[in-house]
Amino acid sequence: MSEQISYTTEEIARLLKVSKLTVYDLIKKGELPAYRVGKQMRIDHDDLEMYKQRAKDGMLREQAGQLQLRELQNDTLAHPPDIGMAPDAADRLYPAQHPPQEPTAASPAFVHAAYARPEEILRNIGTVQPVTEEPLMPPSGMRPLVITGQDTSLDLLARYMEKDGRFRALRSFAGSMDSLVSMYMGHSDIVSTHLYDGETGEYNLPYVRKLLVSRSFTVINLVSRRAGLYVQRGNPKRINSWKQLGQTGIRLANRERGAGARVLLDEQLRLNGIRPSTLRGYDREETSHIAVAARIAAGEADVGVGSEKAAAMVGIEFVPLAVERYDLVVLNRPEHAEWIALLKRTLQSDEFKRELQAIGGYDLSRTGEIIYETDY
């Protein structure tokens, strides 16, 4: 029975896909009840389920509040009050050009695993991996480095960047396009991207050049990985190519706009002459590979686009159709030179590559290679 089940902090960290540091912090704040058995902390199953439910309720309240605010503003804009205000006063009070914004990489909530709220933990389930190992408070005087992207390899990179002792890695979770926008807006130091350009067949550089025009930047390869289609076990719809997405009645589990998987899908639909409106579920968006794969495993969709690892984790089939280059982008500035040099050494180190290889699902043949670099 559930009341007889308890977990260690390590087991809770694995279940929630967060670091032990996050678990210790939740216990310390009283959000996750725990008790000691000898030298070991234990958390009961029921307490874990109650914590998860509170986190979900918090997300629902947050979404409801945003919806009410949008409705109120839309109603106000449609029927502005006539109270003798100056001509531009209504515009200042009810600015149509500034609707309430969802959190994005351009206005990110930077979060070290230790300080994640429950809503953030659930929002990032399936992407967050340990960043640090022990429940230590952040040392003062460390230069923060914001690393933006969703792949688990970035969490390993964050841990290695912290080993130097001079930098504190903060993780911001966003898709490829939003990550680049975050860098453009000055909110991120290291961003990851895997954006396919159908015109050139190239990854990342066409987008980086356009968005960071007049900026000096370096593109470094982190990993390469297989991308393709998620399908149900047995592939009942016999979907084995991009062209076959044009079959009648196909149900899609889609990623959010700006995600690398979404850009890959949209480019392939365009190249194969398939109208997005013919795909059922095209407008319903998920925010991670795991979420897309889970919908297919549950029978809610026939196909989705993503990387190979999530399919193996969820237990569905994967149809490989591309090898995508997963790159890192940094801005070349004199004040960045110290940590950029550390980043390059880290990516090229045998120790880092061994740990990265152990995660599985990556091609490291180009890891640490400078793909493109402009002068400072």
Protein backbone atom coordinates (compact mmCIF):
# COMPACT_ATOMS: atom_id res chain seq x y z
CA MET A 1 0.00 0.00 0.00
CA SER A 2 1.15 3.56 -0.69
CA GLU A 3 1.43 4.53 3.00
CA GLN A 4 4.05 1.82 3.45
CA ILE A 5 6.26 3.13 0.67
CA SER A 6 9.00 5.65 1.38
CA TYR A 7 11.86 7.03 -0.68
CA THR A 8 15.40 8.25 -0.11
CA THR A 9 16.42 11.71 -1.28
CA GLU A 10 18.27 10.10 -4.19
CA GLU A 11 15.10 8.25 -5.26
CA ILE A 12 13.03 11.44 -5.01
CA ALA A 13 15.61 13.26 -7.15
CA ARG A 14 15.36 10.55 -9.82
CA LEU A 15 11.54 10.54 -9.73
CA LEU A 16 11.27 14.31 -10.11
CA LYS A 17 14.27 14.54 -12.49
CA VAL A 18 15.97 17.16 -10.31
CA SER A 19 19.15 17.28 -8.26
CA LYS A 20 19.50 16.14 -4.67
CA LEU A 21 20.17 19.79 -3.88
CA THR A 22 16.62 20.65 -4.94
CA VAL A 23 15.20 17.87 -2.77
CA TYR A 24 17.16 19.06 0.28
CA ASP A 25 15.96 22.61 -0.33
CA LEU A 26 12.32 21.50 -0.55
CA ILE A 27 12.72 19.60 2.72
CA LYS A 28 14.37 22.59 4.37
CA LYS A 29 11.53 24.91 3.31
CA GLY A 30 8.93 22.46 4.63
CA GLU A 31 7.39 21.83 1.23
CA LEU A 32 8.34 18.15 1.25
CA PRO A 33 7.93 16.45 4.67
CA ALA A 34 10.79 14.12 5.59
CA TYR A 35 12.13 12.18 8.56
CA ARG A 36 15.35 10.43 9.49
CA VAL A 37 15.96 6.70 9.64
CA GLY A 38 19.44 6.47 11.09
CA LYS A 39 21.57 8.79 8.95
CA GLN A 40 19.22 8.68 5.98
CA MET A 41 16.37 11.05 5.11
CA ARG A 42 13.12 9.39 4.02
CA ILE A 43 10.02 10.80 2.28
CA ASP A 44 6.70 8.95 2.31
CA HIS A 45 4.91 8.23 -0.97
CA ASP A 46 1.76 10.06 0.14
CA ASP A 47 3.74 13.19 1.03
CA LEU A 48 5.39 13.13 -2.41
CA GLU A 49 2.00 12.83 -4.13
CA MET A 50 0.58 15.70 -2.06
CA TYR A 51 3.57 17.86 -2.97
CA LYS A 52 3.09 17.12 -6.69
CA GLN A 53 -0.62 17.94 -6.44
CA ARG A 54 0.13 21.27 -4.74
CA ALA A 55 2.58 22.05 -7.55
CA LYS A 56 -0.04 21.25 -10.19
CA ASP A 57 -2.64 23.36 -8.37
CA GLY A 58 -0.15 26.23 -8.32
CA MET A 59 0.36 25.96 -12.07
CA LEU A 60 -3.40 25.92 -12.69
CA ARG A 61 -3.90 29.00 -10.51
CA GLU A 62 -1.08 30.75 -12.37
CA GLN A 63 -2.64 29.92 -15.75
CA ALA A 64 -6.13 30.94 -14.59
CA GLY A 65 -4.80 34.25 -13.32
CA GLN A 66 -3.09 34.95 -16.64
CA LEU A 67 -6.29 34.07 -18.52
CA GLN A 68 -8.39 36.37 -16.32
CA LEU A 69 -5.91 39.20 -16.81
CA ARG A 70 -6.01 38.74 -20.60
CA GLU A 71 -9.82 38.69 -20.60
CA LEU A 72 -9.97 41.80 -18.44
CA GLN A 73 -7.54 43.68 -20.64
CA ASN A 74 -9.27 42.55 -23.86
CA ASP A 75 -12.63 43.68 -22.47
CA THR A 76 -11.16 47.01 -21.42
CA LEU A 77 -9.58 47.54 -24.81
CA ALA A 78 -12.84 46.70 -26.56
CA HIS A 79 -14.82 49.09 -24.31
CA PRO A 80 -12.42 51.79 -23.06
CA PRO A 81 -13.82 53.95 -20.28
CA ASP A 82 -14.88 57.46 -21.23
CA ILE A 83 -13.84 59.54 -18.24
CA GLY A 84 -12.48 62.61 -19.96
CA MET A 85 -8.88 61.45 -20.07
CA ALA A 86 -6.20 63.02 -22.22
CA PRO A 87 -6.05 61.51 -25.75
CA ASP A 88 -3.03 59.34 -24.95
CA ALA A 89 -3.96 58.45 -21.38
CA ALA A 90 -6.04 55.41 -22.30
CA ASP A 91 -3.11 54.11 -24.35
CA ARG A 92 -0.81 54.47 -21.35
CA LEU A 93 -3.26 52.77 -18.98
CA TYR A 94 -4.47 50.09 -21.39
CA PRO A 95 -1.52 49.48 -23.75
CA ALA A 96 -2.65 47.11 -26.51
CA GLN A 97 0.92 46.71 -27.65
CA HIS A 98 1.96 45.22 -24.30
CA PRO A 99 -0.29 42.25 -23.46
CA PRO A 100 0.54 40.06 -20.48
CA GLN A 101 3.46 37.85 -21.43
CA GLU A 102 4.09 34.20 -20.76
CA PRO A 103 7.55 33.54 -19.30
CA THR A 104 10.00 33.12 -22.19
CA ALA A 105 13.72 33.03 -22.62
CA ALA A 106 13.59 36.74 -23.39
CA SER A 107 12.24 37.29 -19.86
CA PRO A 108 13.47 34.09 -18.24
CA ALA A 109 13.18 32.80 -14.73
CA PHE A 110 16.80 31.80 -14.18
CA VAL A 111 16.84 29.00 -11.68
CA HIS A 112 19.56 27.04 -10.03
CA ALA A 113 18.21 23.61 -9.18
CA ALA A 114 18.38 24.44 -5.48
CA TYR A 115 15.92 27.29 -5.80
CA ALA A 116 13.33 25.88 -8.21
CA ARG A 117 9.70 26.35 -7.22
CA PRO A 118 7.39 23.31 -7.41
CA GLU A 119 5.79 24.74 -10.56
CA GLU A 120 9.19 25.03 -12.19
CA ILE A 121 10.10 21.48 -11.26
CA LEU A 122 6.92 20.03 -12.79
CA ARG A 123 7.24 22.27 -15.83
CA ASN A 124 10.72 20.91 -16.45
CA ILE A 125 10.07 17.24 -15.66
CA GLY A 126 12.06 15.12 -18.06
CA THR A 127 14.70 17.75 -18.77
CA VAL A 128 16.31 18.61 -15.45
CA GLN A 129 19.27 16.56 -14.28
CA PRO A 130 21.65 17.07 -11.35
CA VAL A 131 23.61 20.30 -11.59
CA THR A 132 25.35 20.05 -8.24
CA GLU A 133 25.65 17.14 -5.87
CA GLU A 134 25.65 18.51 -2.31
CA PRO A 135 23.22 20.87 -0.53
CA LEU A 136 25.56 23.87 -0.37
CA MET A 137 24.51 27.50 -0.33
CA PRO A 138 25.84 29.51 -3.31
CA PRO A 139 29.23 31.05 -2.47
CA SER A 140 29.49 34.81 -2.70
CA GLY A 141 31.64 36.43 -5.35
CA MET A 142 31.01 33.83 -8.03
CA ARG A 143 30.21 35.14 -11.50
CA PRO A 144 26.82 33.77 -12.64
CA LEU A 145 26.67 32.09 -16.06
CA VAL A 146 23.22 31.61 -17.53
CA ILE A 147 23.06 28.47 -19.69
CA THR A 148 19.87 28.30 -21.74
CA GLY A 149 18.40 25.20 -23.41
CA GLN A 150 16.67 21.95 -22.54
CA ASP A 151 18.97 19.00 -23.24
CA THR A 152 20.37 17.03 -20.29
CA SER A 153 23.90 17.52 -21.63
CA LEU A 154 23.63 21.16 -20.57
CA ASP A 155 23.15 20.15 -16.94
CA LEU A 156 26.37 18.16 -17.08
CA LEU A 157 28.09 21.15 -18.69
CA ALA A 158 26.78 23.41 -15.90
CA ARG A 159 28.29 21.14 -13.26
CA TYR A 160 31.66 21.13 -15.00
CA MET A 161 31.68 24.93 -15.37
CA GLU A 162 31.12 25.20 -11.62
CA LYS A 163 34.08 22.95 -10.83
CA ASP A 164 36.39 25.84 -11.64
CA GLY A 165 35.15 27.62 -8.52
CA ARG A 166 34.80 31.05 -10.15
CA PHE A 167 31.43 30.66 -11.84
CA ARG A 168 27.89 29.79 -10.74
CA ALA A 169 25.88 28.05 -13.47
CA LEU A 170 22.23 29.03 -13.68
CA ARG A 171 19.95 27.03 -15.97
CA SER A 172 17.17 28.59 -18.02
CA PHE A 173 14.91 26.16 -19.90
CA ALA A 174 13.80 27.33 -23.34
CA GLY A 175 13.61 26.14 -26.94
CA SER A 176 16.29 26.92 -29.51
CA MET A 177 14.78 30.07 -30.99
CA ASP A 178 13.82 31.52 -27.62
CA SER A 179 17.34 30.76 -26.39
CA LEU A 180 18.85 32.84 -29.21
CA VAL A 181 16.38 35.64 -28.51
CA SER A 182 17.41 35.47 -24.86
CA MET A 183 21.04 35.98 -25.89
CA TYR A 184 20.09 38.84 -28.20
CA MET A 185 18.26 40.51 -25.30
CA GLY A 186 21.27 40.06 -23.03
CA HIS A 187 19.69 37.51 -20.70
CA SER A 188 21.88 34.46 -21.44
CA ASP A 189 25.60 33.74 -21.64
CA ILE A 190 25.64 30.28 -23.25
CA VAL A 191 22.72 29.16 -25.41
CA SER A 192 22.07 25.88 -27.20
CA THR A 193 20.41 25.55 -30.56
CA HIS A 194 19.45 22.89 -33.10
CA LEU A 195 17.59 24.83 -35.79
CA TYR A 196 17.30 23.31 -39.27
CA ASP A 197 17.25 25.54 -42.34
CA GLY A 198 15.45 23.82 -45.19
CA GLU A 199 16.89 26.10 -47.87
CA THR A 200 20.54 25.30 -47.14
CA GLY A 201 20.25 22.00 -45.25
CA GLU A 202 22.42 23.64 -42.59
CA TYR A 203 21.89 23.68 -38.85
CA ASN A 204 22.01 26.80 -36.69
CA LEU A 205 24.34 29.16 -38.57
CA PRO A 206 21.66 30.67 -40.86
CA TYR A 207 19.59 31.58 -37.81
CA VAL A 208 22.48 32.76 -35.66
CA ARG A 209 23.83 35.02 -38.41
CA LYS A 210 20.44 36.66 -38.94
CA LEU A 211 19.59 37.15 -35.29
CA LEU A 212 23.04 38.17 -34.04
CA VAL A 213 23.83 40.39 -37.01
CA SER A 214 26.63 42.87 -36.20
CA ARG A 215 27.50 40.85 -33.07
CA SER A 216 30.75 38.91 -32.66
CA PHE A 217 30.00 35.30 -31.71
CA THR A 218 31.36 31.77 -31.57
CA VAL A 219 29.46 28.58 -32.37
CA ILE A 220 30.86 25.43 -30.74
CA ASN A 221 29.51 21.93 -31.19
CA LEU A 222 28.27 20.22 -28.05
CA VAL A 223 26.93 16.97 -29.54
CA SER A 224 25.21 15.54 -32.57
CA ARG A 225 22.14 13.36 -32.14
CA ARG A 226 19.52 11.59 -34.21
CA ALA A 227 16.19 13.31 -34.76
CA GLY A 228 13.07 11.86 -36.31
CA LEU A 229 9.55 10.68 -35.65
CA TYR A 230 8.01 9.24 -32.51
CA VAL A 231 5.38 6.61 -33.32
CA GLN A 232 3.37 4.12 -31.32
CA ARG A 233 4.71 0.60 -30.79
CA GLY A 234 4.39 -1.41 -33.96
CA ASN A 235 4.04 1.84 -35.96
CA PRO A 236 0.36 1.11 -36.79
CA LYS A 237 0.10 4.11 -39.16
CA ARG A 238 3.23 2.97 -41.05
CA ILE A 239 4.78 6.44 -40.87
CA ASN A 240 8.39 6.16 -42.02
CA SER A 241 9.07 9.44 -43.80
CA TRP A 242 8.27 13.15 -43.67
CA LYS A 243 6.08 12.79 -46.78
CA GLN A 244 3.82 10.32 -44.99
CA LEU A 245 2.79 13.01 -42.50
CA GLY A 246 0.41 14.08 -45.26
CA GLN A 247 -1.78 10.99 -44.73
CA THR A 248 -5.39 11.75 -43.88
CA GLY A 249 -6.30 11.69 -40.21
CA ILE A 250 -2.80 11.73 -38.73
CA ARG A 251 -2.83 12.98 -35.12
CA LEU A 252 0.23 15.04 -34.19
CA ALA A 253 1.81 15.80 -30.84
CA ASN A 254 3.60 19.09 -31.58
CA ARG A 255 6.29 21.15 -29.86
CA GLU A 256 6.01 24.83 -29.01
CA ARG A 257 6.92 27.50 -31.56
CA GLY A 258 10.63 28.20 -31.56
CA ALA A 259 11.66 24.73 -30.40
CA GLY A 260 14.22 23.02 -32.62
CA ALA A 261 11.89 20.06 -33.17
CA ARG A 262 9.06 22.42 -34.21
CA VAL A 263 11.32 24.23 -36.69
CA LEU A 264 12.45 20.88 -38.14
CA LEU A 265 8.81 19.78 -38.55
CA ASP A 266 7.70 23.07 -40.10
CA GLU A 267 10.59 23.05 -42.57
CA GLN A 268 9.87 19.45 -43.59
CA LEU A 269 6.14 20.18 -44.01
CA ARG A 270 7.05 23.13 -46.23
CA LEU A 271 9.56 21.15 -48.29
CA ASN A 272 7.09 18.29 -48.77
CA GLY A 273 4.12 20.51 -49.62
CA ILE A 274 2.05 19.51 -46.57
CA ARG A 275 -0.26 22.12 -45.06
CA PRO A 276 -0.03 22.20 -41.24
CA SER A 277 -3.81 22.58 -41.02
CA THR A 278 -4.22 19.02 -42.33
CA LEU A 279 -2.50 17.61 -39.23
CA ARG A 280 -4.85 17.09 -36.31
CA GLY A 281 -3.29 18.49 -33.14
CA TYR A 282 -0.83 20.79 -34.90
CA ASP A 283 -1.91 23.73 -32.72
CA ARG A 284 -1.68 21.83 -29.44
CA GLU A 285 1.82 22.39 -28.13
CA GLU A 286 4.02 20.51 -25.66
CA THR A 287 7.18 21.96 -24.13
CA SER A 288 9.54 18.97 -24.10
CA HIS A 289 10.45 15.83 -26.03
CA ILE A 290 9.26 13.75 -23.07
CA ALA A 291 5.82 15.38 -23.11
CA VAL A 292 5.43 14.69 -26.85
CA ALA A 293 6.56 11.07 -26.46
CA ALA A 294 4.24 10.56 -23.48
CA ARG A 295 1.18 11.65 -25.48
CA ILE A 296 2.04 9.12 -28.18
CA ALA A 297 2.61 6.38 -25.59
CA ALA A 298 -0.81 7.19 -24.11
CA GLY A 299 -2.47 6.81 -27.53
CA GLU A 300 -3.43 10.49 -27.71
CA ALA A 301 -1.39 11.06 -30.88
CA ASP A 302 0.07 9.02 -33.74
CA VAL A 303 3.30 10.89 -34.38
CA GLY A 304 5.62 13.55 -33.02
CA VAL A 305 9.06 14.96 -33.78
CA GLY A 306 12.01 14.83 -31.41
CA SER A 307 15.32 13.27 -30.46
CA GLU A 308 15.91 9.56 -29.98
CA LYS A 309 16.53 9.56 -26.22
CA ALA A 310 12.96 10.48 -25.20
CA ALA A 311 11.48 7.64 -27.26
CA ALA A 312 13.68 5.12 -25.46
CA MET A 313 12.80 6.59 -22.07
CA VAL A 314 9.05 6.42 -22.68
CA GLY A 315 9.05 3.09 -24.53
CA ILE A 316 7.74 4.03 -27.96
CA GLU A 317 9.29 3.52 -31.40
CA PHE A 318 11.60 5.98 -33.11
CA VAL A 319 12.03 6.53 -36.86
CA PRO A 320 15.39 8.27 -37.43
CA LEU A 321 15.29 10.79 -40.27
CA ALA A 322 18.06 13.28 -39.53
CA VAL A 323 21.28 13.83 -37.62
CA GLU A 324 21.08 17.23 -36.01
CA ARG A 325 23.97 19.32 -34.77
CA TYR A 326 23.37 20.56 -31.25
CA ASP A 327 25.58 23.63 -30.89
CA LEU A 328 26.42 26.23 -28.26
CA VAL A 329 26.55 29.95 -29.02
CA VAL A 330 28.45 32.58 -27.03
CA LEU A 331 29.03 36.28 -27.65
CA ASN A 332 32.68 37.28 -28.07
CA ARG A 333 33.38 40.09 -25.65
CA PRO A 334 36.61 40.88 -23.81
CA GLU A 335 34.89 40.41 -20.45
CA HIS A 336 33.75 36.93 -21.56
CA ALA A 337 37.19 35.70 -22.62
CA GLU A 338 37.98 33.95 -19.33
CA TRP A 339 34.89 31.76 -19.15
CA ILE A 340 34.78 31.15 -22.92
CA ALA A 341 38.28 29.70 -22.64
CA LEU A 342 37.07 27.52 -19.76
CA LEU A 343 34.08 26.40 -21.85
CA LYS A 344 36.33 25.36 -24.73
CA ARG A 345 38.67 23.44 -22.42
CA THR A 346 35.72 21.70 -20.79
CA LEU A 347 34.15 20.60 -24.06
CA GLN A 348 37.47 19.22 -25.29
CA SER A 349 38.39 17.42 -22.06
CA ASP A 350 38.38 13.62 -21.98
CA GLU A 351 36.71 13.59 -18.56
CA PHE A 352 33.72 15.62 -19.75
CA LYS A 353 33.37 13.53 -22.90
CA ARG A 354 33.42 10.28 -20.91
CA GLU A 355 30.55 11.45 -18.73
CA LEU A 356 28.67 12.76 -21.74
CA GLN A 357 29.14 9.44 -23.54
CA ALA A 358 27.79 7.60 -20.49
CA ILE A 359 24.47 9.46 -20.80
CA GLY A 360 23.99 7.77 -24.16
CA GLY A 361 22.37 8.82 -27.42
CA TYR A 362 25.04 11.29 -28.51
CA ASP A 363 27.65 11.41 -31.27
CA LEU A 364 30.70 13.17 -29.81
CA SER A 365 32.86 13.13 -32.94
CA ARG A 366 32.64 16.93 -33.23
CA THR A 367 32.24 17.86 -29.55
CA GLY A 368 34.31 20.96 -28.79
CA GLU A 369 34.84 21.77 -32.48
CA ILE A 370 34.62 25.47 -33.37
CA ILE A 371 31.93 25.54 -36.05
CA TYR A 372 32.14 29.28 -36.66
CA GLU A 373 33.94 32.17 -34.98
CA THR A 374 34.11 35.88 -35.66
CA ASP A 375 36.74 38.30 -34.38
CA TYR A 376 36.28 40.01 -31.05
